Amino acid sequence: MVFKGNLDIDPRGLIYEAYRLDIGPEECRSIFLDWAMGTQLGADMSAMLQTLLDEYAGNAPDHAMTQVLREGLQKMDRPLGRQGGRARRIS
């Protein structure tokens, strides 16, 4: 059996393998999107991103995947949807 990392949230080892490669942000975003599409609907994405960062970023703080995961975590903190317009006025 091939080792694909220690995390159940990365069963195909996509994030694990990305950290083993010397790749740029574009490739990391593509891998991240593939990983995210494979997650369960309704899963706590913020918690999963933090787990990935805890597992990998300490040993690779300058890796492009670390940047992509941090950007994803920051975007999770933003409210979804529009902030103005009719929906805001009637709520």
PDB file of N, CA and C in Angstrom:
ATOM      1  N   MET A   1       0.831  -1.185   0.000  1.00  0.00           N
ATOM      2  CA  MET A   1       0.000   0.000   0.000  1.00  0.00           C
ATOM      3  C   MET A   1       0.878   1.252   0.000  1.00  0.00           C
ATOM      4  N   VAL A   2       0.505   2.245  -0.739  1.00  0.00           N
ATOM      5  CA  VAL A   2       1.256   3.482  -0.857  1.00  0.00           C
ATOM      6  C   VAL A   2       0.835   4.441   0.253  1.00  0.00           C
ATOM      7  N   PHE A   3       1.814   5.049   0.910  1.00  0.00           N
ATOM      8  CA  PHE A   3       1.535   6.006   1.972  1.00  0.00           C
ATOM      9  C   PHE A   3       1.088   7.329   1.365  1.00  0.00           C
ATOM     10  N   LYS A   4      -0.058   7.829   1.820  1.00  0.00           N
ATOM     11  CA  LYS A   4      -0.613   9.085   1.293  1.00  0.00           C
ATOM     12  C   LYS A   4      -0.842  10.117   2.383  1.00  0.00           C
ATOM     13  N   GLY A   5      -0.109  10.031   3.471  1.00  0.00           N
ATOM     14  CA  GLY A   5      -0.244  11.006   4.544  1.00  0.00           C
ATOM     15  C   GLY A   5      -1.044  10.448   5.702  1.00  0.00           C
ATOM     16  N   ASN A   6      -1.106  11.222   6.757  1.00  0.00           N
ATOM     17  CA  ASN A   6      -1.726  10.792   8.004  1.00  0.00           C
ATOM     18  C   ASN A   6      -3.167  11.242   8.185  1.00  0.00           C
ATOM     19  N   LEU A   7      -3.717  11.991   7.258  1.00  0.00           N
ATOM     20  CA  LEU A   7      -5.003  12.641   7.493  1.00  0.00           C
ATOM     21  C   LEU A   7      -6.158  11.968   6.758  1.00  0.00           C
ATOM     22  N   ASP A   8      -7.210  11.686   7.511  1.00  0.00           N
ATOM     23  CA  ASP A   8      -8.427  11.129   6.917  1.00  0.00           C
ATOM     24  C   ASP A   8      -9.114  12.126   5.985  1.00  0.00           C
ATOM     25  N   ILE A   9      -8.874  13.417   6.201  1.00  0.00           N
ATOM     26  CA  ILE A   9      -9.523  14.436   5.364  1.00  0.00           C
ATOM     27  C   ILE A   9      -8.845  14.578   4.009  1.00  0.00           C
ATOM     28  N   ASP A  10      -7.755  13.856   3.801  1.00  0.00           N
ATOM     29  CA  ASP A  10      -7.034  13.853   2.525  1.00  0.00           C
ATOM     30  C   ASP A  10      -6.808  12.408   2.089  1.00  0.00           C
ATOM     31  N   PRO A  11      -7.910  11.666   1.857  1.00  0.00           N
ATOM     32  CA  PRO A  11      -7.780  10.231   1.599  1.00  0.00           C
ATOM     33  C   PRO A  11      -7.001   9.884   0.326  1.00  0.00           C
ATOM     34  N   ARG A  12      -7.032  10.752  -0.661  1.00  0.00           N
ATOM     35  CA  ARG A  12      -6.286  10.490  -1.898  1.00  0.00           C
ATOM     36  C   ARG A  12      -4.861  11.016  -1.817  1.00  0.00           C
ATOM     37  N   GLY A  13      -4.546  11.725  -0.743  1.00  0.00           N
ATOM     38  CA  GLY A  13      -3.199  12.233  -0.548  1.00  0.00           C
ATOM     39  C   GLY A  13      -2.844  13.398  -1.446  1.00  0.00           C
ATOM     40  N   LEU A  14      -3.831  14.118  -1.922  1.00  0.00           N
ATOM     41  CA  LEU A  14      -3.560  15.229  -2.844  1.00  0.00           C
ATOM     42  C   LEU A  14      -2.725  16.330  -2.193  1.00  0.00           C
ATOM     43  N   ILE A  15      -3.116  16.726  -1.004  1.00  0.00           N
ATOM     44  CA  ILE A  15      -2.391  17.800  -0.320  1.00  0.00           C
ATOM     45  C   ILE A  15      -1.018  17.287   0.118  1.00  0.00           C
ATOM     46  N   TYR A  16      -0.989  16.071   0.629  1.00  0.00           N
ATOM     47  CA  TYR A  16       0.278  15.436   1.011  1.00  0.00           C
ATOM     48  C   TYR A  16       1.262  15.446  -0.151  1.00  0.00           C
ATOM     49  N   GLU A  17       0.810  15.000  -1.308  1.00  0.00           N
ATOM     50  CA  GLU A  17       1.690  14.932  -2.487  1.00  0.00           C
ATOM     51  C   GLU A  17       2.080  16.319  -2.981  1.00  0.00           C
ATOM     52  N   ALA A  18       1.173  17.281  -2.889  1.00  0.00           N
ATOM     53  CA  ALA A  18       1.486  18.642  -3.332  1.00  0.00           C
ATOM     54  C   ALA A  18       2.670  19.205  -2.555  1.00  0.00           C
ATOM     55  N   TYR A  19       2.717  18.912  -1.268  1.00  0.00           N
ATOM     56  CA  TYR A  19       3.827  19.405  -0.455  1.00  0.00           C
ATOM     57  C   TYR A  19       5.142  18.716  -0.796  1.00  0.00           C
ATOM     58  N   ARG A  20       5.085  17.608  -1.449  1.00  0.00           N
ATOM     59  CA  ARG A  20       6.304  16.904  -1.840  1.00  0.00           C
ATOM     60  C   ARG A  20       6.849  17.414  -3.170  1.00  0.00           C
ATOM     61  N   LEU A  21       6.098  18.240  -3.864  1.00  0.00           N
ATOM     62  CA  LEU A  21       6.482  18.744  -5.179  1.00  0.00           C
ATOM     63  C   LEU A  21       6.926  20.200  -5.098  1.00  0.00           C
ATOM     64  N   ASP A  22       7.778  20.579  -6.014  1.00  0.00           N
ATOM     65  CA  ASP A  22       8.185  21.976  -6.148  1.00  0.00           C
ATOM     66  C   ASP A  22       7.299  22.593  -7.233  1.00  0.00           C
ATOM     67  N   ILE A  23       6.149  23.118  -6.804  1.00  0.00           N
ATOM     68  CA  ILE A  23       5.163  23.663  -7.743  1.00  0.00           C
ATOM     69  C   ILE A  23       4.755  25.059  -7.298  1.00  0.00           C
ATOM     70  N   GLY A  24       4.155  25.785  -8.220  1.00  0.00           N
ATOM     71  CA  GLY A  24       3.750  27.151  -7.949  1.00  0.00           C
ATOM     72  C   GLY A  24       2.308  27.265  -7.498  1.00  0.00           C
ATOM     73  N   PRO A  25       1.868  28.493  -7.260  1.00  0.00           N
ATOM     74  CA  PRO A  25       0.514  28.729  -6.752  1.00  0.00           C
ATOM     75  C   PRO A  25      -0.591  28.235  -7.680  1.00  0.00           C
ATOM     76  N   GLU A  26      -0.403  28.341  -8.983  1.00  0.00           N
ATOM     77  CA  GLU A  26      -1.449  27.911  -9.915  1.00  0.00           C
ATOM     78  C   GLU A  26      -1.703  26.408  -9.799  1.00  0.00           C
ATOM     79  N   GLU A  27      -0.621  25.647  -9.762  1.00  0.00           N
ATOM     80  CA  GLU A  27      -0.760  24.204  -9.628  1.00  0.00           C
ATOM     81  C   GLU A  27      -1.369  23.839  -8.273  1.00  0.00           C
ATOM     82  N   CYS A  28      -0.966  24.564  -7.231  1.00  0.00           N
ATOM     83  CA  CYS A  28      -1.508  24.302  -5.891  1.00  0.00           C
ATOM     84  C   CYS A  28      -2.997  24.621  -5.833  1.00  0.00           C
ATOM     85  N   ARG A  29      -3.414  25.695  -6.480  1.00  0.00           N
ATOM     86  CA  ARG A  29      -4.846  26.020  -6.506  1.00  0.00           C
ATOM     87  C   ARG A  29      -5.640  24.929  -7.214  1.00  0.00           C
ATOM     88  N   SER A  30      -5.082  24.400  -8.283  1.00  0.00           N
ATOM     89  CA  SER A  30      -5.752  23.326  -9.014  1.00  0.00           C
ATOM     90  C   SER A  30      -5.869  22.063  -8.150  1.00  0.00           C
ATOM     91  N   ILE A  31      -4.806  21.713  -7.463  1.00  0.00           N
ATOM     92  CA  ILE A  31      -4.825  20.559  -6.566  1.00  0.00           C
ATOM     93  C   ILE A  31      -5.796  20.804  -5.418  1.00  0.00           C
ATOM     94  N   PHE A  32      -5.776  22.009  -4.870  1.00  0.00           N
ATOM     95  CA  PHE A  32      -6.687  22.346  -3.778  1.00  0.00           C
ATOM     96  C   PHE A  32      -8.139  22.224  -4.232  1.00  0.00           C
ATOM     97  N   LEU A  33      -8.442  22.713  -5.412  1.00  0.00           N
ATOM     98  CA  LEU A  33      -9.808  22.630  -5.924  1.00  0.00           C
ATOM     99  C   LEU A  33     -10.229  21.169  -6.084  1.00  0.00           C
ATOM    100  N   ASP A  34      -9.346  20.347  -6.607  1.00  0.00           N
ATOM    101  CA  ASP A  34      -9.637  18.923  -6.745  1.00  0.00           C
ATOM    102  C   ASP A  34      -9.903  18.304  -5.372  1.00  0.00           C
ATOM    103  N   TRP A  35      -9.073  18.646  -4.382  1.00  0.00           N
ATOM    104  CA  TRP A  35      -9.274  18.141  -3.029  1.00  0.00           C
ATOM    105  C   TRP A  35     -10.616  18.617  -2.471  1.00  0.00           C
ATOM    106  N   ALA A  36     -10.901  19.919  -2.610  1.00  0.00           N
ATOM    107  CA  ALA A  36     -12.132  20.494  -2.051  1.00  0.00           C
ATOM    108  C   ALA A  36     -13.375  19.879  -2.691  1.00  0.00           C
ATOM    109  N   MET A  37     -13.322  19.602  -3.992  1.00  0.00           N
ATOM    110  CA  MET A  37     -14.458  18.991  -4.674  1.00  0.00           C
ATOM    111  C   MET A  37     -14.728  17.577  -4.150  1.00  0.00           C
ATOM    112  N   GLY A  38     -13.724  16.956  -3.584  1.00  0.00           N
ATOM    113  CA  GLY A  38     -13.875  15.613  -3.054  1.00  0.00           C
ATOM    114  C   GLY A  38     -14.318  15.561  -1.601  1.00  0.00           C
ATOM    115  N   THR A  39     -14.472  16.715  -0.978  1.00  0.00           N
ATOM    116  CA  THR A  39     -14.905  16.718   0.421  1.00  0.00           C
ATOM    117  C   THR A  39     -16.417  16.558   0.502  1.00  0.00           C
ATOM    118  N   GLN A  40     -16.855  16.143   1.648  1.00  0.00           N
ATOM    119  CA  GLN A  40     -18.279  15.897   1.866  1.00  0.00           C
ATOM    120  C   GLN A  40     -19.030  17.224   1.985  1.00  0.00           C
ATOM    121  N   LEU A  41     -20.171  17.305   1.326  1.00  0.00           N
ATOM    122  CA  LEU A  41     -21.008  18.491   1.394  1.00  0.00           C
ATOM    123  C   LEU A  41     -21.395  18.760   2.849  1.00  0.00           C
ATOM    124  N   GLY A  42     -21.230  19.983   3.276  1.00  0.00           N
ATOM    125  CA  GLY A  42     -21.579  20.358   4.639  1.00  0.00           C
ATOM    126  C   GLY A  42     -20.451  20.155   5.636  1.00  0.00           C
ATOM    127  N   ALA A  43     -19.307  19.670   5.169  1.00  0.00           N
ATOM    128  CA  ALA A  43     -18.167  19.462   6.065  1.00  0.00           C
ATOM    129  C   ALA A  43     -17.649  20.817   6.561  1.00  0.00           C
ATOM    130  N   ASP A  44     -17.038  20.820   7.715  1.00  0.00           N
ATOM    131  CA  ASP A  44     -16.482  22.047   8.303  1.00  0.00           C
ATOM    132  C   ASP A  44     -15.166  22.365   7.604  1.00  0.00           C
ATOM    133  N   MET A  45     -15.252  23.136   6.543  1.00  0.00           N
ATOM    134  CA  MET A  45     -14.084  23.434   5.720  1.00  0.00           C
ATOM    135  C   MET A  45     -13.025  24.210   6.506  1.00  0.00           C
ATOM    136  N   SER A  46     -13.436  25.126   7.365  1.00  0.00           N
ATOM    137  CA  SER A  46     -12.459  25.878   8.156  1.00  0.00           C
ATOM    138  C   SER A  46     -11.631  24.945   9.021  1.00  0.00           C
ATOM    139  N   ALA A  47     -12.281  24.009   9.664  1.00  0.00           N
ATOM    140  CA  ALA A  47     -11.571  23.061  10.521  1.00  0.00           C
ATOM    141  C   ALA A  47     -10.632  22.183   9.698  1.00  0.00           C
ATOM    142  N   MET A  48     -11.082  21.763   8.521  1.00  0.00           N
ATOM    143  CA  MET A  48     -10.236  20.925   7.678  1.00  0.00           C
ATOM    144  C   MET A  48      -9.015  21.694   7.186  1.00  0.00           C
ATOM    145  N   LEU A  49      -9.211  22.944   6.785  1.00  0.00           N
ATOM    146  CA  LEU A  49      -8.082  23.754   6.330  1.00  0.00           C
ATOM    147  C   LEU A  49      -7.088  23.973   7.462  1.00  0.00           C
ATOM    148  N   GLN A  50      -7.589  24.227   8.657  1.00  0.00           N
ATOM    149  CA  GLN A  50      -6.699  24.415   9.801  1.00  0.00           C
ATOM    150  C   GLN A  50      -5.933  23.130  10.106  1.00  0.00           C
ATOM    151  N   THR A  51      -6.579  21.990   9.983  1.00  0.00           N
ATOM    152  CA  THR A  51      -5.913  20.704  10.199  1.00  0.00           C
ATOM    153  C   THR A  51      -4.797  20.499   9.174  1.00  0.00           C
ATOM    154  N   LEU A  52      -5.075  20.820   7.920  1.00  0.00           N
ATOM    155  CA  LEU A  52      -4.052  20.693   6.880  1.00  0.00           C
ATOM    156  C   LEU A  52      -2.876  21.616   7.167  1.00  0.00           C
ATOM    157  N   LEU A  53      -3.157  22.843   7.561  1.00  0.00           N
ATOM    158  CA  LEU A  53      -2.088  23.779   7.902  1.00  0.00           C
ATOM    159  C   LEU A  53      -1.286  23.282   9.100  1.00  0.00           C
ATOM    160  N   ASP A  54      -1.964  22.779  10.107  1.00  0.00           N
ATOM    161  CA  ASP A  54      -1.270  22.269  11.286  1.00  0.00           C
ATOM    162  C   ASP A  54      -0.352  21.106  10.925  1.00  0.00           C
ATOM    163  N   GLU A  55      -0.797  20.279  10.004  1.00  0.00           N
ATOM    164  CA  GLU A  55      -0.029  19.093   9.610  1.00  0.00           C
ATOM    165  C   GLU A  55       1.179  19.435   8.738  1.00  0.00           C
ATOM    166  N   TYR A  56       1.013  20.362   7.799  1.00  0.00           N
ATOM    167  CA  TYR A  56       2.034  20.566   6.775  1.00  0.00           C
ATOM    168  C   TYR A  56       2.769  21.901   6.809  1.00  0.00           C
ATOM    169  N   ALA A  57       2.130  22.966   7.216  1.00  0.00           N
ATOM    170  CA  ALA A  57       2.725  24.303   7.074  1.00  0.00           C
ATOM    171  C   ALA A  57       3.944  24.522   7.955  1.00  0.00           C
ATOM    172  N   GLY A  58       4.003  23.863   9.089  1.00  0.00           N
ATOM    173  CA  GLY A  58       5.146  24.052   9.983  1.00  0.00           C
ATOM    174  C   GLY A  58       6.467  23.671   9.349  1.00  0.00           C
ATOM    175  N   ASN A  59       6.450  22.622   8.540  1.00  0.00           N
ATOM    176  CA  ASN A  59       7.671  22.171   7.875  1.00  0.00           C
ATOM    177  C   ASN A  59       7.883  22.833   6.520  1.00  0.00           C
ATOM    178  N   ALA A  60       6.872  23.518   6.021  1.00  0.00           N
ATOM    179  CA  ALA A  60       6.972  24.147   4.697  1.00  0.00           C
ATOM    180  C   ALA A  60       6.238  25.486   4.681  1.00  0.00           C
ATOM    181  N   PRO A  61       6.677  26.436   5.509  1.00  0.00           N
ATOM    182  CA  PRO A  61       5.951  27.706   5.602  1.00  0.00           C
ATOM    183  C   PRO A  61       5.961  28.529   4.311  1.00  0.00           C
ATOM    184  N   ASP A  62       6.948  28.299   3.461  1.00  0.00           N
ATOM    185  CA  ASP A  62       7.057  29.076   2.221  1.00  0.00           C
ATOM    186  C   ASP A  62       6.535  28.332   0.996  1.00  0.00           C
ATOM    187  N   HIS A  63       5.981  27.148   1.191  1.00  0.00           N
ATOM    188  CA  HIS A  63       5.455  26.373   0.062  1.00  0.00           C
ATOM    189  C   HIS A  63       4.189  27.051  -0.467  1.00  0.00           C
ATOM    190  N   ALA A  64       4.001  26.975  -1.758  1.00  0.00           N
ATOM    191  CA  ALA A  64       2.832  27.600  -2.383  1.00  0.00           C
ATOM    192  C   ALA A  64       1.524  27.021  -1.840  1.00  0.00           C
ATOM    193  N   MET A  65       1.497  25.748  -1.474  1.00  0.00           N
ATOM    194  CA  MET A  65       0.269  25.156  -0.929  1.00  0.00           C
ATOM    195  C   MET A  65      -0.074  25.764   0.419  1.00  0.00           C
ATOM    196  N   THR A  66       0.924  26.114   1.204  1.00  0.00           N
ATOM    197  CA  THR A  66       0.667  26.786   2.483  1.00  0.00           C
ATOM    198  C   THR A  66      -0.053  28.103   2.229  1.00  0.00           C
ATOM    199  N   GLN A  67       0.383  28.843   1.244  1.00  0.00           N
ATOM    200  CA  GLN A  67      -0.255  30.107   0.881  1.00  0.00           C
ATOM    201  C   GLN A  67      -1.698  29.867   0.435  1.00  0.00           C
ATOM    202  N   VAL A  68      -1.914  28.864  -0.385  1.00  0.00           N
ATOM    203  CA  VAL A  68      -3.261  28.556  -0.890  1.00  0.00           C
ATOM    204  C   VAL A  68      -4.183  28.161   0.262  1.00  0.00           C
ATOM    205  N   LEU A  69      -3.702  27.334   1.169  1.00  0.00           N
ATOM    206  CA  LEU A  69      -4.523  26.926   2.312  1.00  0.00           C
ATOM    207  C   LEU A  69      -4.848  28.118   3.213  1.00  0.00           C
ATOM    208  N   ARG A  70      -3.891  28.988   3.430  1.00  0.00           N
ATOM    209  CA  ARG A  70      -4.138  30.191   4.256  1.00  0.00           C
ATOM    210  C   ARG A  70      -5.156  31.112   3.585  1.00  0.00           C
ATOM    211  N   GLU A  71      -5.039  31.271   2.266  1.00  0.00           N
ATOM    212  CA  GLU A  71      -6.021  32.085   1.542  1.00  0.00           C
ATOM    213  C   GLU A  71      -7.415  31.479   1.672  1.00  0.00           C
ATOM    214  N   GLY A  72      -7.495  30.178   1.556  1.00  0.00           N
ATOM    215  CA  GLY A  72      -8.781  29.503   1.705  1.00  0.00           C
ATOM    216  C   GLY A  72      -9.373  29.710   3.081  1.00  0.00           C
ATOM    217  N   LEU A  73      -8.547  29.626   4.104  1.00  0.00           N
ATOM    218  CA  LEU A  73      -9.016  29.834   5.471  1.00  0.00           C
ATOM    219  C   LEU A  73      -9.489  31.271   5.674  1.00  0.00           C
ATOM    220  N   GLN A  74      -8.774  32.226   5.114  1.00  0.00           N
ATOM    221  CA  GLN A  74      -9.187  33.633   5.218  1.00  0.00           C
ATOM    222  C   GLN A  74     -10.520  33.858   4.523  1.00  0.00           C
ATOM    223  N   LYS A  75     -10.718  33.235   3.382  1.00  0.00           N
ATOM    224  CA  LYS A  75     -11.977  33.404   2.652  1.00  0.00           C
ATOM    225  C   LYS A  75     -13.138  32.765   3.395  1.00  0.00           C
ATOM    226  N   MET A  76     -12.871  31.732   4.182  1.00  0.00           N
ATOM    227  CA  MET A  76     -13.929  31.089   4.961  1.00  0.00           C
ATOM    228  C   MET A  76     -14.449  32.031   6.049  1.00  0.00           C
ATOM    229  N   ASP A  77     -13.617  32.966   6.480  1.00  0.00           N
ATOM    230  CA  ASP A  77     -14.009  33.908   7.528  1.00  0.00           C
ATOM    231  C   ASP A  77     -14.890  35.039   7.015  1.00  0.00           C
ATOM    232  N   ARG A  78     -14.950  35.198   5.697  1.00  0.00           N
ATOM    233  CA  ARG A  78     -15.771  36.261   5.112  1.00  0.00           C
ATOM    234  C   ARG A  78     -17.221  35.811   4.992  1.00  0.00           C
ATOM    235  N   PRO A  79     -18.156  36.730   5.181  1.00  0.00           N
ATOM    236  CA  PRO A  79     -19.564  36.363   4.989  1.00  0.00           C
ATOM    237  C   PRO A  79     -19.847  36.078   3.517  1.00  0.00           C
ATOM    238  N   LEU A  80     -20.753  35.158   3.282  1.00  0.00           N
ATOM    239  CA  LEU A  80     -21.137  34.813   1.919  1.00  0.00           C
ATOM    240  C   LEU A  80     -22.196  35.763   1.396  1.00  0.00           C
ATOM    241  N   GLY A  81     -22.266  35.886   0.101  1.00  0.00           N
ATOM    242  CA  GLY A  81     -23.329  36.664  -0.527  1.00  0.00           C
ATOM    243  C   GLY A  81     -23.047  38.150  -0.561  1.00  0.00           C
ATOM    244  N   ARG A  82     -24.002  38.845  -1.075  1.00  0.00           N
ATOM    245  CA  ARG A  82     -23.899  40.299  -1.215  1.00  0.00           C
ATOM    246  C   ARG A  82     -24.091  40.978   0.130  1.00  0.00           C
ATOM    247  N   GLN A  83     -23.554  42.151   0.222  1.00  0.00           N
ATOM    248  CA  GLN A  83     -23.681  42.914   1.458  1.00  0.00           C
ATOM    249  C   GLN A  83     -24.599  44.119   1.298  1.00  0.00           C
ATOM    250  N   GLY A  84     -25.112  44.322   0.125  1.00  0.00           N
ATOM    251  CA  GLY A  84     -25.975  45.469  -0.121  1.00  0.00           C
ATOM    252  C   GLY A  84     -27.166  45.077  -0.956  1.00  0.00           C
ATOM    253  N   GLY A  85     -27.850  46.054  -1.483  1.00  0.00           N
ATOM    254  CA  GLY A  85     -28.985  45.781  -2.346  1.00  0.00           C
ATOM    255  C   GLY A  85     -30.251  45.471  -1.584  1.00  0.00           C
ATOM    256  N   ARG A  86     -31.227  44.976  -2.299  1.00  0.00           N
ATOM    257  CA  ARG A  86     -32.546  44.721  -1.750  1.00  0.00           C
ATOM    258  C   ARG A  86     -32.515  43.732  -0.584  1.00  0.00           C
ATOM    259  N   ALA A  87     -31.766  42.649  -0.732  1.00  0.00           N
ATOM    260  CA  ALA A  87     -31.732  41.630   0.321  1.00  0.00           C
ATOM    261  C   ALA A  87     -31.267  42.226   1.654  1.00  0.00           C
ATOM    262  N   ARG A  88     -30.340  43.125   1.637  1.00  0.00           N
ATOM    263  CA  ARG A  88     -29.851  43.771   2.858  1.00  0.00           C
ATOM    264  C   ARG A  88     -30.896  44.686   3.458  1.00  0.00           C
ATOM    265  N   ARG A  89     -31.645  45.399   2.615  1.00  0.00           N
ATOM    266  CA  ARG A  89     -32.638  46.360   3.110  1.00  0.00           C
ATOM    267  C   ARG A  89     -33.831  45.688   3.760  1.00  0.00           C
ATOM    268  N   ILE A  90     -34.206  44.498   3.287  1.00  0.00           N
ATOM    269  CA  ILE A  90     -35.408  43.872   3.838  1.00  0.00           C
ATOM    270  C   ILE A  90     -35.110  42.906   4.979  1.00  0.00           C
ATOM    271  N   SER A  91     -33.843  42.678   5.289  1.00  0.00           N
ATOM    272  CA  SER A  91     -33.536  41.745   6.367  1.00  0.00           C
ATOM    273  C   SER A  91     -33.522  42.409   7.718  1.00  0.00           C
TER     274      SER A  91
END
